[in-house]
Each structure stands twice: as structure tokens, then as C-alpha cells.
Amino acid sequence: MSSLLSHNKDQPRIRKSLSDSCPASSTAATKSLRHERLSRLGSSGPTDTSTNHAESYFLRRENRLSARKKAEEETMNNDYKKFSTLGLHLWILKKQMYEKALATNQRLKSRLETSKQELTMIQEQLQRAQNGTSSDCASNMLEAEKKASWSLKKRISDMEEQLKVKAELKTENQRLKDENGALIRVITKLSK
């Protein structure tokens, strides 16, 4: 077996092509293939084939580039639509939060004002009671005034806490305004 392998290695390899085995049929086949190529290109000579190849190359290239550009424009339009609806939703949400905070602020201010008026009335009554004639009646009134004063002070402290919450809502609203502005800037950059 090894002698056969060494023998095969020593011999040069010989390849026969189709043209070597049957020269008449290969020449006819080559001519027909060449004729088909020329008829497909629709050219009259060898110089026309090179220009046709160049023209078809540039035409295919232009078609590819225009298709790519169209796809990019469609993607940008879709992104713009997404960002514009997102910006609109954020703007509506921000507006609703602002209106709620404004209404809460007005309500708290009016409650604080009425509580202050009640407190001044109670303090006046307390002053009158302290200067009053009857000590039993005055002491009962004084205790009632103290309770009322204490409850009003508690209400005032509650309202002050609510005003603090309102301040937090204002800062949150400002943050949302800033985010909305940033989104609008991004949308305008994307739309360009």
C-alpha cells in the first residue's frame, strides 16, 4: 500500500478539462454562452458592455442609497411621533399636577386665613374673660377658650405642614417642567 502511495506522489497530477476531452462540443457551448450574455446586455460591442456594467452598478447603488435614506426617514418620523406623543402626555400630566397643587394651595390659604381670624376672636374673648367680673364663669370660659385656642393652634400647625407639602409639590412640579423642557429640546433636535 505504501508503495502505491509513493508511486502516486511521484506521478504528476493530470487534470482533464471538458475542453480537453471533447473540443468540438465545448467550443460550441462557449460560443452560445457568450452569445447569451451579449444578448442579455443588449450591447453592440465590448466597449458598451463596460459602460452598461458601470451604469447598472451606479443605478443599483443609487437605488440602494435611496432605499436606505427612505428607511432612515421613516424611522426618524416614527421616533418623532413617539416623542411628540410622549411630550404631550407629560405636558398634560404636568398641567394636571400644577392645577391640583394650585387648588390645594388656595384651599390651604383660605383655611389658614379663617383659622387666624378665629384665633384673634378667641384671644379677644380671652382678654375680656381675664378682665371679666365673675371668676367661676370666667374660669369656665377661660378653660373653653384655652381648649379652643389649643385646637386652633393645632389646626394652624396642620395647615403649616400642608403648606410644606405644597412647597414639595411645587419643587416636584418645577422638576417636571425641567424634564418636559428637556424632552421638547430632544424632540426638536430629532425633528431637524
C-alpha atoms as a PDB file:
ATOM      1  CA  MET A   1       0.000   0.000   0.000  1.00  0.00           C
ATOM      2  CA  SER A   2       2.812   2.376   0.852  1.00  0.00           C
ATOM      3  CA  SER A   3       4.454   1.621  -2.455  1.00  0.00           C
ATOM      4  CA  LEU A   4       1.281   2.644  -4.223  1.00  0.00           C
ATOM      5  CA  LEU A   5       1.086   5.894  -2.304  1.00  0.00           C
ATOM      6  CA  SER A   6       4.674   6.773  -3.015  1.00  0.00           C
ATOM      7  CA  HIS A   7       4.106   5.867  -6.618  1.00  0.00           C
ATOM      8  CA  ASN A   8       1.073   8.144  -6.766  1.00  0.00           C
ATOM      9  CA  LYS A   9       3.010  11.012  -5.205  1.00  0.00           C
ATOM     10  CA  ASP A  10       5.778  10.733  -7.748  1.00  0.00           C
ATOM     11  CA  GLN A  11       3.453  10.945 -10.700  1.00  0.00           C
ATOM     12  CA  PRO A  12       2.332  14.413 -11.692  1.00  0.00           C
ATOM     13  CA  ARG A  13      -1.314  15.103 -11.368  1.00  0.00           C
ATOM     14  CA  ILE A  14      -3.148  15.402 -14.586  1.00  0.00           C
ATOM     15  CA  ARG A  15      -6.420  17.200 -14.892  1.00  0.00           C
ATOM     16  CA  LYS A  16      -8.566  16.980 -17.853  1.00  0.00           C
ATOM     17  CA  SER A  17     -10.963  19.748 -18.513  1.00  0.00           C
ATOM     18  CA  LEU A  18     -14.095  19.415 -20.522  1.00  0.00           C
ATOM     19  CA  SER A  19     -12.487  21.217 -23.378  1.00  0.00           C
ATOM     20  CA  ASP A  20      -9.655  18.651 -23.493  1.00  0.00           C
ATOM     21  CA  SER A  21     -12.000  15.701 -23.570  1.00  0.00           C
ATOM     22  CA  CYS A  22     -14.338  16.986 -26.239  1.00  0.00           C
ATOM     23  CA  PRO A  23     -13.115  20.088 -28.011  1.00  0.00           C
ATOM     24  CA  ALA A  24     -15.905  20.433 -30.556  1.00  0.00           C
ATOM     25  CA  SER A  25     -18.760  20.466 -28.052  1.00  0.00           C
ATOM     26  CA  SER A  26     -17.007  22.862 -25.635  1.00  0.00           C
ATOM     27  CA  THR A  27     -16.346  25.449 -28.315  1.00  0.00           C
ATOM     28  CA  ALA A  28     -19.984  25.440 -29.320  1.00  0.00           C
ATOM     29  CA  ALA A  29     -21.112  25.717 -25.693  1.00  0.00           C
ATOM     30  CA  THR A  30     -18.706  28.590 -25.033  1.00  0.00           C
ATOM     31  CA  LYS A  31     -19.942  30.443 -28.077  1.00  0.00           C
ATOM     32  CA  SER A  32     -23.583  30.005 -27.110  1.00  0.00           C
ATOM     33  CA  LEU A  33     -22.910  31.223 -23.550  1.00  0.00           C
ATOM     34  CA  ARG A  34     -21.062  34.244 -24.863  1.00  0.00           C
ATOM     35  CA  HIS A  35     -23.918  34.973 -27.284  1.00  0.00           C
ATOM     36  CA  GLU A  36     -26.483  34.726 -24.457  1.00  0.00           C
ATOM     37  CA  ARG A  37     -24.501  37.140 -22.294  1.00  0.00           C
ATOM     38  CA  LEU A  38     -24.235  39.643 -25.101  1.00  0.00           C
ATOM     39  CA  SER A  39     -27.932  39.423 -25.901  1.00  0.00           C
ATOM     40  CA  ARG A  40     -28.847  39.898 -22.234  1.00  0.00           C
ATOM     41  CA  LEU A  41     -26.757  43.004 -22.001  1.00  0.00           C
ATOM     42  CA  GLY A  42     -28.212  44.269 -25.237  1.00  0.00           C
ATOM     43  CA  SER A  43     -24.921  45.757 -26.295  1.00  0.00           C
ATOM     44  CA  SER A  44     -23.417  46.100 -29.687  1.00  0.00           C
ATOM     45  CA  GLY A  45     -19.746  45.844 -28.758  1.00  0.00           C
ATOM     46  CA  PRO A  46     -17.239  45.224 -25.993  1.00  0.00           C
ATOM     47  CA  THR A  47     -16.988  48.931 -25.025  1.00  0.00           C
ATOM     48  CA  ASP A  48     -20.741  49.084 -24.465  1.00  0.00           C
ATOM     49  CA  THR A  49     -20.626  46.203 -22.007  1.00  0.00           C
ATOM     50  CA  SER A  50     -18.228  48.047 -19.724  1.00  0.00           C
ATOM     51  CA  THR A  51     -20.404  51.183 -19.799  1.00  0.00           C
ATOM     52  CA  ASN A  52     -23.523  49.074 -19.219  1.00  0.00           C
ATOM     53  CA  HIS A  53     -21.849  47.421 -16.247  1.00  0.00           C
ATOM     54  CA  ALA A  54     -20.873  50.819 -14.847  1.00  0.00           C
ATOM     55  CA  GLU A  55     -24.334  52.252 -15.463  1.00  0.00           C
ATOM     56  CA  SER A  56     -26.050  49.278 -13.878  1.00  0.00           C
ATOM     57  CA  TYR A  57     -23.637  49.443 -10.939  1.00  0.00           C
ATOM     58  CA  PHE A  58     -24.371  53.122 -10.343  1.00  0.00           C
ATOM     59  CA  LEU A  59     -28.105  52.570 -10.834  1.00  0.00           C
ATOM     60  CA  ARG A  60     -28.121  49.736  -8.285  1.00  0.00           C
ATOM     61  CA  ARG A  61     -26.022  51.864  -5.924  1.00  0.00           C
ATOM     62  CA  GLU A  62     -28.430  54.798  -6.247  1.00  0.00           C
ATOM     63  CA  ASN A  63     -31.395  52.516  -5.602  1.00  0.00           C
ATOM     64  CA  ARG A  64     -29.695  51.084  -2.509  1.00  0.00           C
ATOM     65  CA  LEU A  65     -28.842  54.529  -1.158  1.00  0.00           C
ATOM     66  CA  SER A  66     -32.327  55.909  -1.780  1.00  0.00           C
ATOM     67  CA  ALA A  67     -33.922  52.873  -0.098  1.00  0.00           C
ATOM     68  CA  ARG A  68     -31.616  53.278   2.898  1.00  0.00           C
ATOM     69  CA  LYS A  69     -32.365  57.010   3.096  1.00  0.00           C
ATOM     70  CA  LYS A  70     -36.105  56.359   2.891  1.00  0.00           C
ATOM     71  CA  ALA A  71     -35.881  53.759   5.686  1.00  0.00           C
ATOM     72  CA  GLU A  72     -33.925  56.203   7.880  1.00  0.00           C
ATOM     73  CA  GLU A  73     -36.509  58.950   7.258  1.00  0.00           C
ATOM     74  CA  GLU A  74     -39.353  56.588   8.168  1.00  0.00           C
ATOM     75  CA  THR A  75     -37.530  55.601  11.356  1.00  0.00           C
ATOM     76  CA  MET A  76     -36.978  59.253  12.268  1.00  0.00           C
ATOM     77  CA  ASN A  77     -40.649  60.054  11.583  1.00  0.00           C
ATOM     78  CA  ASN A  78     -41.759  57.173  13.799  1.00  0.00           C
ATOM     79  CA  ASP A  79     -39.362  58.308  16.548  1.00  0.00           C
ATOM     80  CA  TYR A  80     -40.645  61.880  16.245  1.00  0.00           C
ATOM     81  CA  LYS A  81     -44.251  60.688  16.566  1.00  0.00           C
ATOM     82  CA  LYS A  82     -43.349  58.635  19.645  1.00  0.00           C
ATOM     83  CA  PHE A  83     -41.534  61.556  21.282  1.00  0.00           C
ATOM     84  CA  SER A  84     -44.253  64.065  20.412  1.00  0.00           C
ATOM     85  CA  THR A  85     -46.985  61.910  21.978  1.00  0.00           C
ATOM     86  CA  LEU A  86     -44.761  61.298  24.993  1.00  0.00           C
ATOM     87  CA  GLY A  87     -44.158  65.036  25.337  1.00  0.00           C
ATOM     88  CA  LEU A  88     -47.878  65.716  25.053  1.00  0.00           C
ATOM     89  CA  HIS A  89     -48.676  63.181  27.763  1.00  0.00           C
ATOM     90  CA  LEU A  90     -46.006  64.647  30.026  1.00  0.00           C
ATOM     91  CA  TRP A  91     -47.321  68.161  29.423  1.00  0.00           C
ATOM     92  CA  ILE A  92     -50.891  67.089  30.276  1.00  0.00           C
ATOM     93  CA  LEU A  93     -49.685  65.292  33.398  1.00  0.00           C
ATOM     94  CA  LYS A  94     -47.638  68.307  34.453  1.00  0.00           C
ATOM     95  CA  LYS A  95     -50.588  70.638  33.866  1.00  0.00           C
ATOM     96  CA  GLN A  96     -52.894  68.433  35.947  1.00  0.00           C
ATOM     97  CA  MET A  97     -50.383  68.264  38.788  1.00  0.00           C
ATOM     98  CA  TYR A  98     -49.907  72.029  38.656  1.00  0.00           C
ATOM     99  CA  GLU A  99     -53.661  72.661  38.768  1.00  0.00           C
ATOM    100  CA  LYS A 100     -54.047  70.276  41.713  1.00  0.00           C
ATOM    101  CA  ALA A 101     -51.199  71.950  43.573  1.00  0.00           C
ATOM    102  CA  LEU A 102     -52.669  75.388  42.849  1.00  0.00           C
ATOM    103  CA  ALA A 103     -56.128  74.346  44.088  1.00  0.00           C
ATOM    104  CA  THR A 104     -54.618  72.790  47.218  1.00  0.00           C
ATOM    105  CA  ASN A 105     -52.612  75.940  47.822  1.00  0.00           C
ATOM    106  CA  GLN A 106     -55.700  78.170  47.536  1.00  0.00           C
ATOM    107  CA  ARG A 107     -57.708  75.902  49.815  1.00  0.00           C
ATOM    108  CA  LEU A 108     -54.969  75.844  52.448  1.00  0.00           C
ATOM    109  CA  LYS A 109     -54.551  79.604  52.305  1.00  0.00           C
ATOM    110  CA  SER A 110     -58.266  80.188  52.851  1.00  0.00           C
ATOM    111  CA  ARG A 111     -58.342  77.714  55.758  1.00  0.00           C
ATOM    112  CA  LEU A 112     -55.302  79.359  57.300  1.00  0.00           C
ATOM    113  CA  GLU A 113     -56.917  82.775  56.988  1.00  0.00           C
ATOM    114  CA  THR A 114     -60.150  81.631  58.669  1.00  0.00           C
ATOM    115  CA  SER A 115     -58.157  79.934  61.427  1.00  0.00           C
ATOM    116  CA  LYS A 116     -56.207  83.130  62.048  1.00  0.00           C
ATOM    117  CA  GLN A 117     -59.454  85.099  62.276  1.00  0.00           C
ATOM    118  CA  GLU A 118     -60.903  82.583  64.737  1.00  0.00           C
ATOM    119  CA  LEU A 119     -57.710  82.730  66.781  1.00  0.00           C
ATOM    120  CA  THR A 120     -57.861  86.516  67.042  1.00  0.00           C
ATOM    121  CA  MET A 121     -61.524  86.314  68.082  1.00  0.00           C
ATOM    122  CA  ILE A 122     -60.706  83.760  70.770  1.00  0.00           C
ATOM    123  CA  GLN A 123     -57.775  85.816  72.011  1.00  0.00           C
ATOM    124  CA  GLU A 124     -60.037  88.855  72.286  1.00  0.00           C
ATOM    125  CA  GLN A 125     -62.580  86.814  74.232  1.00  0.00           C
ATOM    126  CA  LEU A 126     -59.781  85.540  76.435  1.00  0.00           C
ATOM    127  CA  GLN A 127     -58.681  89.080  77.148  1.00  0.00           C
ATOM    128  CA  ARG A 128     -62.231  90.057  78.022  1.00  0.00           C
ATOM    129  CA  ALA A 129     -62.597  86.977  80.215  1.00  0.00           C
ATOM    130  CA  GLN A 130     -59.419  87.756  82.092  1.00  0.00           C
ATOM    131  CA  ASN A 131     -60.722  91.242  82.771  1.00  0.00           C
ATOM    132  CA  GLY A 132     -64.269  89.913  83.468  1.00  0.00           C
ATOM    133  CA  THR A 133     -66.298  90.166  86.724  1.00  0.00           C
ATOM    134  CA  SER A 134     -67.281  86.648  87.663  1.00  0.00           C
ATOM    135  CA  SER A 135     -64.398  84.289  88.481  1.00  0.00           C
ATOM    136  CA  ASP A 136     -66.391  80.995  88.148  1.00  0.00           C
ATOM    137  CA  CYS A 137     -67.878  81.989  84.875  1.00  0.00           C
ATOM    138  CA  ALA A 138     -64.572  83.430  83.805  1.00  0.00           C
ATOM    139  CA  SER A 139     -62.668  80.264  84.734  1.00  0.00           C
ATOM    140  CA  ASN A 140     -65.120  78.097  82.746  1.00  0.00           C
ATOM    141  CA  MET A 141     -64.848  80.479  79.835  1.00  0.00           C
ATOM    142  CA  LEU A 142     -61.099  80.532  80.231  1.00  0.00           C
ATOM    143  CA  GLU A 143     -60.888  76.751  80.001  1.00  0.00           C
ATOM    144  CA  ALA A 144     -63.166  76.739  76.974  1.00  0.00           C
ATOM    145  CA  GLU A 145     -61.066  79.477  75.421  1.00  0.00           C
ATOM    146  CA  LYS A 146     -57.897  77.542  76.135  1.00  0.00           C
ATOM    147  CA  LYS A 147     -59.342  74.417  74.524  1.00  0.00           C
ATOM    148  CA  ALA A 148     -60.484  76.403  71.514  1.00  0.00           C
ATOM    149  CA  SER A 149     -57.129  78.147  71.333  1.00  0.00           C
ATOM    150  CA  TRP A 150     -55.328  74.824  71.583  1.00  0.00           C
ATOM    151  CA  SER A 151     -57.494  73.288  68.827  1.00  0.00           C
ATOM    152  CA  LEU A 152     -56.914  76.316  66.604  1.00  0.00           C
ATOM    153  CA  LYS A 153     -53.178  76.159  67.181  1.00  0.00           C
ATOM    154  CA  LYS A 154     -53.274  72.505  66.252  1.00  0.00           C
ATOM    155  CA  ARG A 155     -55.199  73.324  63.084  1.00  0.00           C
ATOM    156  CA  ILE A 156     -52.670  76.025  62.261  1.00  0.00           C
ATOM    157  CA  SER A 157     -49.780  73.601  62.715  1.00  0.00           C
ATOM    158  CA  ASP A 158     -51.592  71.082  60.477  1.00  0.00           C
ATOM    159  CA  MET A 159     -52.054  73.744  57.845  1.00  0.00           C
ATOM    160  CA  GLU A 160     -48.402  74.731  58.070  1.00  0.00           C
ATOM    161  CA  GLU A 161     -47.491  71.098  57.433  1.00  0.00           C
ATOM    162  CA  GLN A 162     -49.816  71.105  54.457  1.00  0.00           C
ATOM    163  CA  LEU A 163     -48.079  74.241  53.196  1.00  0.00           C
ATOM    164  CA  LYS A 164     -44.783  72.374  53.465  1.00  0.00           C
ATOM    165  CA  VAL A 165     -46.304  69.605  51.346  1.00  0.00           C
ATOM    166  CA  LYS A 166     -47.392  72.275  48.892  1.00  0.00           C
ATOM    167  CA  ALA A 167     -43.814  73.525  48.686  1.00  0.00           C
ATOM    168  CA  GLU A 168     -42.662  69.983  47.938  1.00  0.00           C
ATOM    169  CA  LEU A 169     -45.303  69.752  45.227  1.00  0.00           C
ATOM    170  CA  LYS A 170     -44.008  72.998  43.755  1.00  0.00           C
ATOM    171  CA  THR A 171     -40.473  71.639  43.589  1.00  0.00           C
ATOM    172  CA  GLU A 172     -41.765  68.429  42.010  1.00  0.00           C
ATOM    173  CA  ASN A 173     -43.736  70.498  39.519  1.00  0.00           C
ATOM    174  CA  GLN A 174     -40.629  72.515  38.672  1.00  0.00           C
ATOM    175  CA  ARG A 175     -38.659  69.308  38.155  1.00  0.00           C
ATOM    176  CA  LEU A 176     -41.353  68.044  35.794  1.00  0.00           C
ATOM    177  CA  LYS A 177     -41.259  71.356  33.920  1.00  0.00           C
ATOM    178  CA  ASP A 178     -37.497  70.998  33.513  1.00  0.00           C
ATOM    179  CA  GLU A 179     -37.864  67.411  32.277  1.00  0.00           C
ATOM    180  CA  ASN A 180     -40.574  68.490  29.876  1.00  0.00           C
ATOM    181  CA  GLY A 181     -38.316  71.232  28.545  1.00  0.00           C
ATOM    182  CA  ALA A 182     -35.516  68.731  28.051  1.00  0.00           C
ATOM    183  CA  LEU A 183     -37.849  66.365  26.196  1.00  0.00           C
ATOM    184  CA  ILE A 184     -39.059  69.202  23.993  1.00  0.00           C
ATOM    185  CA  ARG A 185     -35.449  70.061  23.143  1.00  0.00           C
ATOM    186  CA  VAL A 186     -34.759  66.423  22.257  1.00  0.00           C
ATOM    187  CA  ILE A 187     -37.885  66.294  20.109  1.00  0.00           C
ATOM    188  CA  THR A 188     -36.918  69.450  18.237  1.00  0.00           C
ATOM    189  CA  LYS A 189     -33.414  68.085  17.641  1.00  0.00           C
ATOM    190  CA  LEU A 190     -34.859  64.817  16.341  1.00  0.00           C
ATOM    191  CA  SER A 191     -37.329  66.617  14.100  1.00  0.00           C
ATOM    192  CA  LYS A 192     -34.481  68.504  12.399  1.00  0.00           C
END
